[in-house]
Amino acid sequence: MSQNLEENKKNAIEFYKMAYDGNPRKAVELYVGAEYIQHNPLVGDGPEPFIAYFERMSKEYQDKSIEFVRAIAEDNLVALHTHQKWPGDEEYVTMDFFRFDENGKIVEHWDAMQLIPKESANGNTMY
C-alpha cells in the first residue's frame, strides 16, 4: 500500500498537538498503530508510557505552547520542525520523526531537542 504523504503530515501534527495539549490517550487511540516504538530516552516504549509522560507534562507545564514550523514527508516517514515555548521563558527547537505503518498509523518516533540560545553567532534564527 502506498503512503498518503499529505494525510501522514496532517496526522503527525494532529497526534503531536493533541498529546502536547493534554489529551495523549485520545491521540494514541486515533493515530497510533498496533505497536509504538519510542526512541526518546525519557519515554518508555509503547502507548501507555507515552500517555503517562504527556499527562505528567500537561499537569506540570500548563503554560507551554507549540508551533509547527514545517512538516516534511517521504515514503513512510514524517519530519516535524517545531518551536516550543515553556514556562520560565525557555524556548526549544525540536525535530520529530514519525514512521507510519501501511494503514497510515504512527508506529515509531525519534526526536531531537535544543534550547534556543539568547544569541546567535550567525544572526540566523533556528527556523
N, C-alpha and C. Protein backbone atom coordinates (compact mmCIF):
# COMPACT_ATOMS: atom_id res chain seq x y z
N MET A 1 0.84 -1.18 0.00
CA MET A 1 0.00 0.00 0.00
C MET A 1 0.89 1.25 0.00
N SER A 2 0.60 2.19 -0.85
CA SER A 2 1.41 3.41 -0.88
C SER A 2 0.94 4.37 0.22
N GLN A 3 1.84 5.22 0.61
CA GLN A 3 1.57 6.17 1.69
C GLN A 3 0.90 7.43 1.14
N ASN A 4 -0.03 7.97 1.89
CA ASN A 4 -0.63 9.25 1.57
C ASN A 4 0.17 10.31 2.34
N LEU A 5 1.12 10.94 1.69
CA LEU A 5 2.06 11.83 2.37
C LEU A 5 1.38 13.02 3.03
N GLU A 6 0.43 13.62 2.36
CA GLU A 6 -0.27 14.78 2.94
C GLU A 6 -1.09 14.37 4.16
N GLU A 7 -1.73 13.22 4.08
CA GLU A 7 -2.51 12.72 5.22
C GLU A 7 -1.58 12.37 6.38
N ASN A 8 -0.44 11.76 6.09
CA ASN A 8 0.51 11.44 7.15
C ASN A 8 1.02 12.70 7.84
N LYS A 9 1.32 13.75 7.07
CA LYS A 9 1.77 15.01 7.68
C LYS A 9 0.69 15.58 8.59
N LYS A 10 -0.52 15.62 8.08
CA LYS A 10 -1.65 16.14 8.87
C LYS A 10 -1.82 15.32 10.15
N ASN A 11 -1.76 14.01 10.05
CA ASN A 11 -1.96 13.15 11.21
C ASN A 11 -0.81 13.25 12.22
N ALA A 12 0.42 13.41 11.75
CA ALA A 12 1.54 13.58 12.68
C ALA A 12 1.37 14.87 13.48
N ILE A 13 0.96 15.94 12.82
CA ILE A 13 0.75 17.21 13.50
C ILE A 13 -0.40 17.09 14.50
N GLU A 14 -1.51 16.52 14.09
CA GLU A 14 -2.66 16.37 14.99
C GLU A 14 -2.32 15.49 16.19
N PHE A 15 -1.60 14.40 15.95
CA PHE A 15 -1.17 13.50 17.02
C PHE A 15 -0.32 14.26 18.04
N TYR A 16 0.69 14.95 17.57
CA TYR A 16 1.60 15.66 18.45
C TYR A 16 0.88 16.78 19.19
N LYS A 17 0.08 17.56 18.48
CA LYS A 17 -0.65 18.67 19.09
C LYS A 17 -1.61 18.17 20.16
N MET A 18 -2.34 17.12 19.87
CA MET A 18 -3.31 16.57 20.81
C MET A 18 -2.61 16.08 22.08
N ALA A 19 -1.50 15.38 21.92
CA ALA A 19 -0.75 14.88 23.08
C ALA A 19 -0.16 16.06 23.86
N TYR A 20 0.45 16.99 23.17
CA TYR A 20 1.10 18.16 23.79
C TYR A 20 0.09 19.01 24.55
N ASP A 21 -1.12 19.13 24.00
CA ASP A 21 -2.16 19.96 24.62
C ASP A 21 -2.92 19.23 25.73
N GLY A 22 -2.51 18.01 26.08
CA GLY A 22 -3.08 17.36 27.25
C GLY A 22 -4.03 16.21 27.02
N ASN A 23 -4.14 15.72 25.78
CA ASN A 23 -5.02 14.59 25.53
C ASN A 23 -4.28 13.46 24.82
N PRO A 24 -3.21 12.93 25.45
CA PRO A 24 -2.42 11.90 24.78
C PRO A 24 -3.17 10.58 24.57
N ARG A 25 -4.10 10.25 25.45
CA ARG A 25 -4.83 8.99 25.29
C ARG A 25 -5.67 9.02 24.00
N LYS A 26 -6.35 10.13 23.75
CA LYS A 26 -7.13 10.26 22.52
C LYS A 26 -6.20 10.25 21.31
N ALA A 27 -5.04 10.91 21.43
CA ALA A 27 -4.06 10.94 20.33
C ALA A 27 -3.64 9.52 19.97
N VAL A 28 -3.36 8.72 20.98
CA VAL A 28 -2.96 7.32 20.74
C VAL A 28 -4.11 6.55 20.10
N GLU A 29 -5.30 6.71 20.62
CA GLU A 29 -6.47 5.99 20.07
C GLU A 29 -6.68 6.31 18.60
N LEU A 30 -6.50 7.57 18.22
CA LEU A 30 -6.78 7.99 16.84
C LEU A 30 -5.63 7.74 15.87
N TYR A 31 -4.38 7.83 16.35
CA TYR A 31 -3.26 7.91 15.41
C TYR A 31 -2.18 6.85 15.54
N VAL A 32 -2.19 6.03 16.59
CA VAL A 32 -1.12 5.06 16.79
C VAL A 32 -1.56 3.68 16.32
N GLY A 33 -0.61 2.96 15.72
CA GLY A 33 -0.87 1.62 15.21
C GLY A 33 -0.76 0.54 16.27
N ALA A 34 -0.57 -0.69 15.83
CA ALA A 34 -0.55 -1.85 16.72
C ALA A 34 0.66 -1.84 17.65
N GLU A 35 1.73 -1.15 17.26
CA GLU A 35 2.91 -1.02 18.12
C GLU A 35 3.31 0.44 18.16
N TYR A 36 4.10 0.80 19.17
CA TYR A 36 4.62 2.16 19.22
C TYR A 36 6.03 2.08 19.80
N ILE A 37 7.01 2.25 18.94
CA ILE A 37 8.42 2.17 19.32
C ILE A 37 8.90 3.59 19.58
N GLN A 38 9.46 3.80 20.77
CA GLN A 38 9.88 5.12 21.20
C GLN A 38 11.40 5.18 21.30
N HIS A 39 12.01 6.21 20.72
CA HIS A 39 13.47 6.38 20.77
C HIS A 39 13.90 7.51 21.69
N ASN A 40 12.96 8.31 22.20
CA ASN A 40 13.30 9.33 23.18
C ASN A 40 13.65 8.62 24.49
N PRO A 41 14.86 8.81 25.03
CA PRO A 41 15.27 8.07 26.22
C PRO A 41 14.50 8.44 27.49
N LEU A 42 13.71 9.50 27.46
CA LEU A 42 12.93 9.91 28.62
C LEU A 42 11.54 9.27 28.66
N VAL A 43 11.18 8.55 27.59
CA VAL A 43 9.84 7.98 27.47
C VAL A 43 9.97 6.48 27.17
N GLY A 44 9.19 5.67 27.86
CA GLY A 44 9.23 4.23 27.63
C GLY A 44 8.57 3.83 26.32
N ASP A 45 8.83 2.59 25.91
CA ASP A 45 8.20 2.03 24.71
C ASP A 45 6.71 1.77 24.95
N GLY A 46 5.94 1.89 23.89
CA GLY A 46 4.53 1.55 23.94
C GLY A 46 3.64 2.74 24.24
N PRO A 47 2.35 2.54 24.02
CA PRO A 47 1.39 3.64 24.20
C PRO A 47 1.26 4.13 25.65
N GLU A 48 1.21 3.23 26.62
CA GLU A 48 0.96 3.67 28.00
C GLU A 48 2.07 4.55 28.56
N PRO A 49 3.35 4.23 28.37
CA PRO A 49 4.39 5.16 28.83
C PRO A 49 4.32 6.53 28.13
N PHE A 50 3.96 6.53 26.85
CA PHE A 50 3.78 7.78 26.11
C PHE A 50 2.66 8.61 26.75
N ILE A 51 1.54 7.96 27.02
CA ILE A 51 0.39 8.65 27.63
C ILE A 51 0.78 9.21 28.99
N ALA A 52 1.42 8.40 29.81
CA ALA A 52 1.82 8.84 31.16
C ALA A 52 2.76 10.04 31.09
N TYR A 53 3.71 10.00 30.17
CA TYR A 53 4.66 11.10 30.02
C TYR A 53 3.94 12.40 29.68
N PHE A 54 3.07 12.37 28.67
CA PHE A 54 2.40 13.60 28.24
C PHE A 54 1.34 14.07 29.24
N GLU A 55 0.71 13.16 29.97
CA GLU A 55 -0.22 13.58 31.02
C GLU A 55 0.54 14.31 32.13
N ARG A 56 1.72 13.80 32.49
CA ARG A 56 2.55 14.47 33.51
C ARG A 56 3.00 15.84 33.01
N MET A 57 3.45 15.91 31.76
CA MET A 57 3.91 17.18 31.20
C MET A 57 2.78 18.21 31.19
N SER A 58 1.57 17.75 30.89
CA SER A 58 0.43 18.65 30.84
C SER A 58 0.12 19.24 32.22
N LYS A 59 0.25 18.45 33.26
CA LYS A 59 -0.01 18.93 34.62
C LYS A 59 1.10 19.83 35.13
N GLU A 60 2.35 19.47 34.86
CA GLU A 60 3.49 20.20 35.39
C GLU A 60 3.81 21.47 34.62
N TYR A 61 3.47 21.52 33.35
CA TYR A 61 3.82 22.67 32.49
C TYR A 61 2.60 23.12 31.71
N GLN A 62 1.64 23.71 32.41
CA GLN A 62 0.38 24.10 31.78
C GLN A 62 0.53 25.26 30.80
N ASP A 63 1.54 26.09 30.99
CA ASP A 63 1.70 27.28 30.15
C ASP A 63 2.68 27.08 29.00
N LYS A 64 2.74 25.90 28.46
CA LYS A 64 3.63 25.64 27.33
C LYS A 64 2.84 25.81 26.03
N SER A 65 3.55 26.04 24.94
CA SER A 65 2.88 26.14 23.64
C SER A 65 3.81 25.57 22.57
N ILE A 66 3.21 25.21 21.45
CA ILE A 66 3.97 24.65 20.34
C ILE A 66 3.47 25.25 19.03
N GLU A 67 4.42 25.53 18.16
CA GLU A 67 4.12 25.99 16.80
C GLU A 67 4.79 25.01 15.84
N PHE A 68 4.04 24.55 14.87
CA PHE A 68 4.57 23.64 13.86
C PHE A 68 5.08 24.50 12.70
N VAL A 69 6.39 24.54 12.57
CA VAL A 69 7.03 25.41 11.58
C VAL A 69 6.99 24.77 10.20
N ARG A 70 7.31 23.47 10.14
CA ARG A 70 7.25 22.77 8.86
C ARG A 70 7.07 21.28 9.08
N ALA A 71 6.52 20.64 8.06
CA ALA A 71 6.34 19.19 8.05
C ALA A 71 6.82 18.70 6.69
N ILE A 72 7.61 17.63 6.72
CA ILE A 72 8.17 17.05 5.50
C ILE A 72 7.86 15.55 5.51
N ALA A 73 7.37 15.04 4.40
CA ALA A 73 7.03 13.61 4.33
C ALA A 73 7.75 12.96 3.16
N GLU A 74 8.21 11.74 3.40
CA GLU A 74 8.85 10.93 2.37
C GLU A 74 8.63 9.46 2.72
N ASP A 75 8.23 8.69 1.76
CA ASP A 75 7.94 7.26 1.98
C ASP A 75 6.98 7.11 3.17
N ASN A 76 7.40 6.41 4.21
CA ASN A 76 6.53 6.21 5.37
C ASN A 76 6.97 7.05 6.57
N LEU A 77 7.72 8.13 6.32
CA LEU A 77 8.23 8.98 7.39
C LEU A 77 7.71 10.41 7.28
N VAL A 78 7.50 11.02 8.45
CA VAL A 78 7.16 12.44 8.52
C VAL A 78 8.12 13.09 9.51
N ALA A 79 8.68 14.23 9.12
CA ALA A 79 9.53 15.03 10.00
C ALA A 79 8.80 16.33 10.33
N LEU A 80 8.78 16.67 11.61
CA LEU A 80 8.18 17.92 12.07
C LEU A 80 9.27 18.79 12.68
N HIS A 81 9.26 20.05 12.33
CA HIS A 81 10.18 21.06 12.87
C HIS A 81 9.31 21.99 13.69
N THR A 82 9.55 22.07 15.00
CA THR A 82 8.65 22.84 15.85
C THR A 82 9.39 23.87 16.69
N HIS A 83 8.61 24.81 17.17
CA HIS A 83 9.08 25.84 18.11
C HIS A 83 8.23 25.70 19.37
N GLN A 84 8.88 25.36 20.47
CA GLN A 84 8.17 25.17 21.73
C GLN A 84 8.55 26.27 22.71
N LYS A 85 7.54 26.80 23.40
CA LYS A 85 7.75 27.80 24.46
C LYS A 85 7.30 27.16 25.77
N TRP A 86 8.18 27.26 26.77
CA TRP A 86 7.92 26.65 28.07
C TRP A 86 7.94 27.72 29.15
N PRO A 87 7.33 27.44 30.30
CA PRO A 87 7.38 28.40 31.41
C PRO A 87 8.83 28.76 31.76
N GLY A 88 9.03 29.97 32.22
CA GLY A 88 10.37 30.43 32.56
C GLY A 88 11.11 30.97 31.36
N ASP A 89 10.40 31.32 30.31
CA ASP A 89 11.00 31.88 29.10
C ASP A 89 11.99 30.96 28.40
N GLU A 90 11.81 29.65 28.54
CA GLU A 90 12.64 28.71 27.79
C GLU A 90 11.95 28.41 26.46
N GLU A 91 12.75 28.44 25.41
CA GLU A 91 12.24 28.11 24.09
C GLU A 91 13.13 27.04 23.49
N TYR A 92 12.50 26.09 22.79
CA TYR A 92 13.23 24.97 22.20
C TYR A 92 12.88 24.83 20.73
N VAL A 93 13.85 24.41 19.96
CA VAL A 93 13.60 23.94 18.60
C VAL A 93 13.60 22.41 18.71
N THR A 94 12.62 21.78 18.10
CA THR A 94 12.57 20.32 18.10
C THR A 94 12.41 19.80 16.69
N MET A 95 12.90 18.61 16.51
CA MET A 95 12.72 17.88 15.26
C MET A 95 12.26 16.49 15.63
N ASP A 96 11.08 16.15 15.17
CA ASP A 96 10.49 14.84 15.45
C ASP A 96 10.30 14.09 14.15
N PHE A 97 10.56 12.80 14.22
CA PHE A 97 10.38 11.92 13.06
C PHE A 97 9.42 10.81 13.45
N PHE A 98 8.44 10.57 12.61
CA PHE A 98 7.45 9.54 12.83
C PHE A 98 7.46 8.57 11.67
N ARG A 99 7.40 7.27 12.00
CA ARG A 99 7.25 6.25 10.96
C ARG A 99 5.81 5.74 11.01
N PHE A 100 5.22 5.64 9.83
CA PHE A 100 3.84 5.20 9.69
C PHE A 100 3.79 3.77 9.15
N ASP A 101 2.79 3.00 9.59
CA ASP A 101 2.60 1.66 9.05
C ASP A 101 1.78 1.73 7.76
N GLU A 102 1.49 0.59 7.18
CA GLU A 102 0.76 0.53 5.90
C GLU A 102 -0.69 1.00 6.03
N ASN A 103 -1.19 1.14 7.26
CA ASN A 103 -2.55 1.64 7.49
C ASN A 103 -2.59 3.13 7.81
N GLY A 104 -1.44 3.80 7.70
CA GLY A 104 -1.39 5.23 7.98
C GLY A 104 -1.37 5.56 9.47
N LYS A 105 -0.93 4.62 10.29
CA LYS A 105 -0.85 4.83 11.74
C LYS A 105 0.61 4.97 12.16
N ILE A 106 0.84 5.78 13.19
CA ILE A 106 2.19 6.02 13.71
C ILE A 106 2.64 4.81 14.51
N VAL A 107 3.85 4.31 14.20
CA VAL A 107 4.37 3.13 14.91
C VAL A 107 5.78 3.33 15.47
N GLU A 108 6.41 4.49 15.17
CA GLU A 108 7.75 4.71 15.69
C GLU A 108 8.04 6.21 15.73
N HIS A 109 8.85 6.62 16.72
CA HIS A 109 9.14 8.04 16.92
C HIS A 109 10.58 8.25 17.36
N TRP A 110 11.23 9.27 16.76
CA TRP A 110 12.56 9.75 17.15
C TRP A 110 12.44 11.26 17.33
N ASP A 111 13.29 11.85 18.18
CA ASP A 111 13.28 13.31 18.28
C ASP A 111 14.63 13.84 18.74
N ALA A 112 14.81 15.13 18.50
CA ALA A 112 15.98 15.87 18.98
C ALA A 112 15.46 17.24 19.40
N MET A 113 16.00 17.73 20.52
CA MET A 113 15.53 18.98 21.10
C MET A 113 16.73 19.84 21.46
N GLN A 114 16.63 21.14 21.20
CA GLN A 114 17.72 22.05 21.54
C GLN A 114 17.16 23.34 22.11
N LEU A 115 17.70 23.76 23.24
CA LEU A 115 17.35 25.04 23.82
C LEU A 115 17.80 26.15 22.85
N ILE A 116 16.91 27.09 22.57
CA ILE A 116 17.26 28.18 21.67
C ILE A 116 18.09 29.19 22.45
N PRO A 117 19.31 29.46 22.01
CA PRO A 117 20.18 30.39 22.75
C PRO A 117 19.70 31.83 22.60
N LYS A 118 20.09 32.65 23.56
CA LYS A 118 19.72 34.08 23.52
C LYS A 118 20.45 34.81 22.40
N GLU A 119 21.63 34.34 22.04
CA GLU A 119 22.42 34.98 20.98
C GLU A 119 22.84 33.94 19.95
N SER A 120 23.04 34.41 18.72
CA SER A 120 23.47 33.53 17.63
C SER A 120 24.69 34.13 16.96
N ALA A 121 25.73 33.33 16.79
CA ALA A 121 26.95 33.80 16.15
C ALA A 121 26.71 34.17 14.68
N ASN A 122 25.70 33.56 14.06
CA ASN A 122 25.47 33.83 12.64
C ASN A 122 24.29 34.78 12.40
N GLY A 123 23.54 35.10 13.43
CA GLY A 123 22.41 36.03 13.27
C GLY A 123 21.18 35.42 12.66
N ASN A 124 21.19 34.12 12.36
CA ASN A 124 20.04 33.44 11.77
C ASN A 124 19.17 32.86 12.87
N THR A 125 17.89 32.72 12.58
CA THR A 125 17.02 32.02 13.52
C THR A 125 17.20 30.52 13.35
N MET A 126 16.60 29.74 14.21
CA MET A 126 16.68 28.30 14.11
C MET A 126 15.52 27.75 13.27
N TYR A 127 14.83 28.67 12.57
CA TYR A 127 13.70 28.27 11.72
C TYR A 127 13.87 28.78 10.34
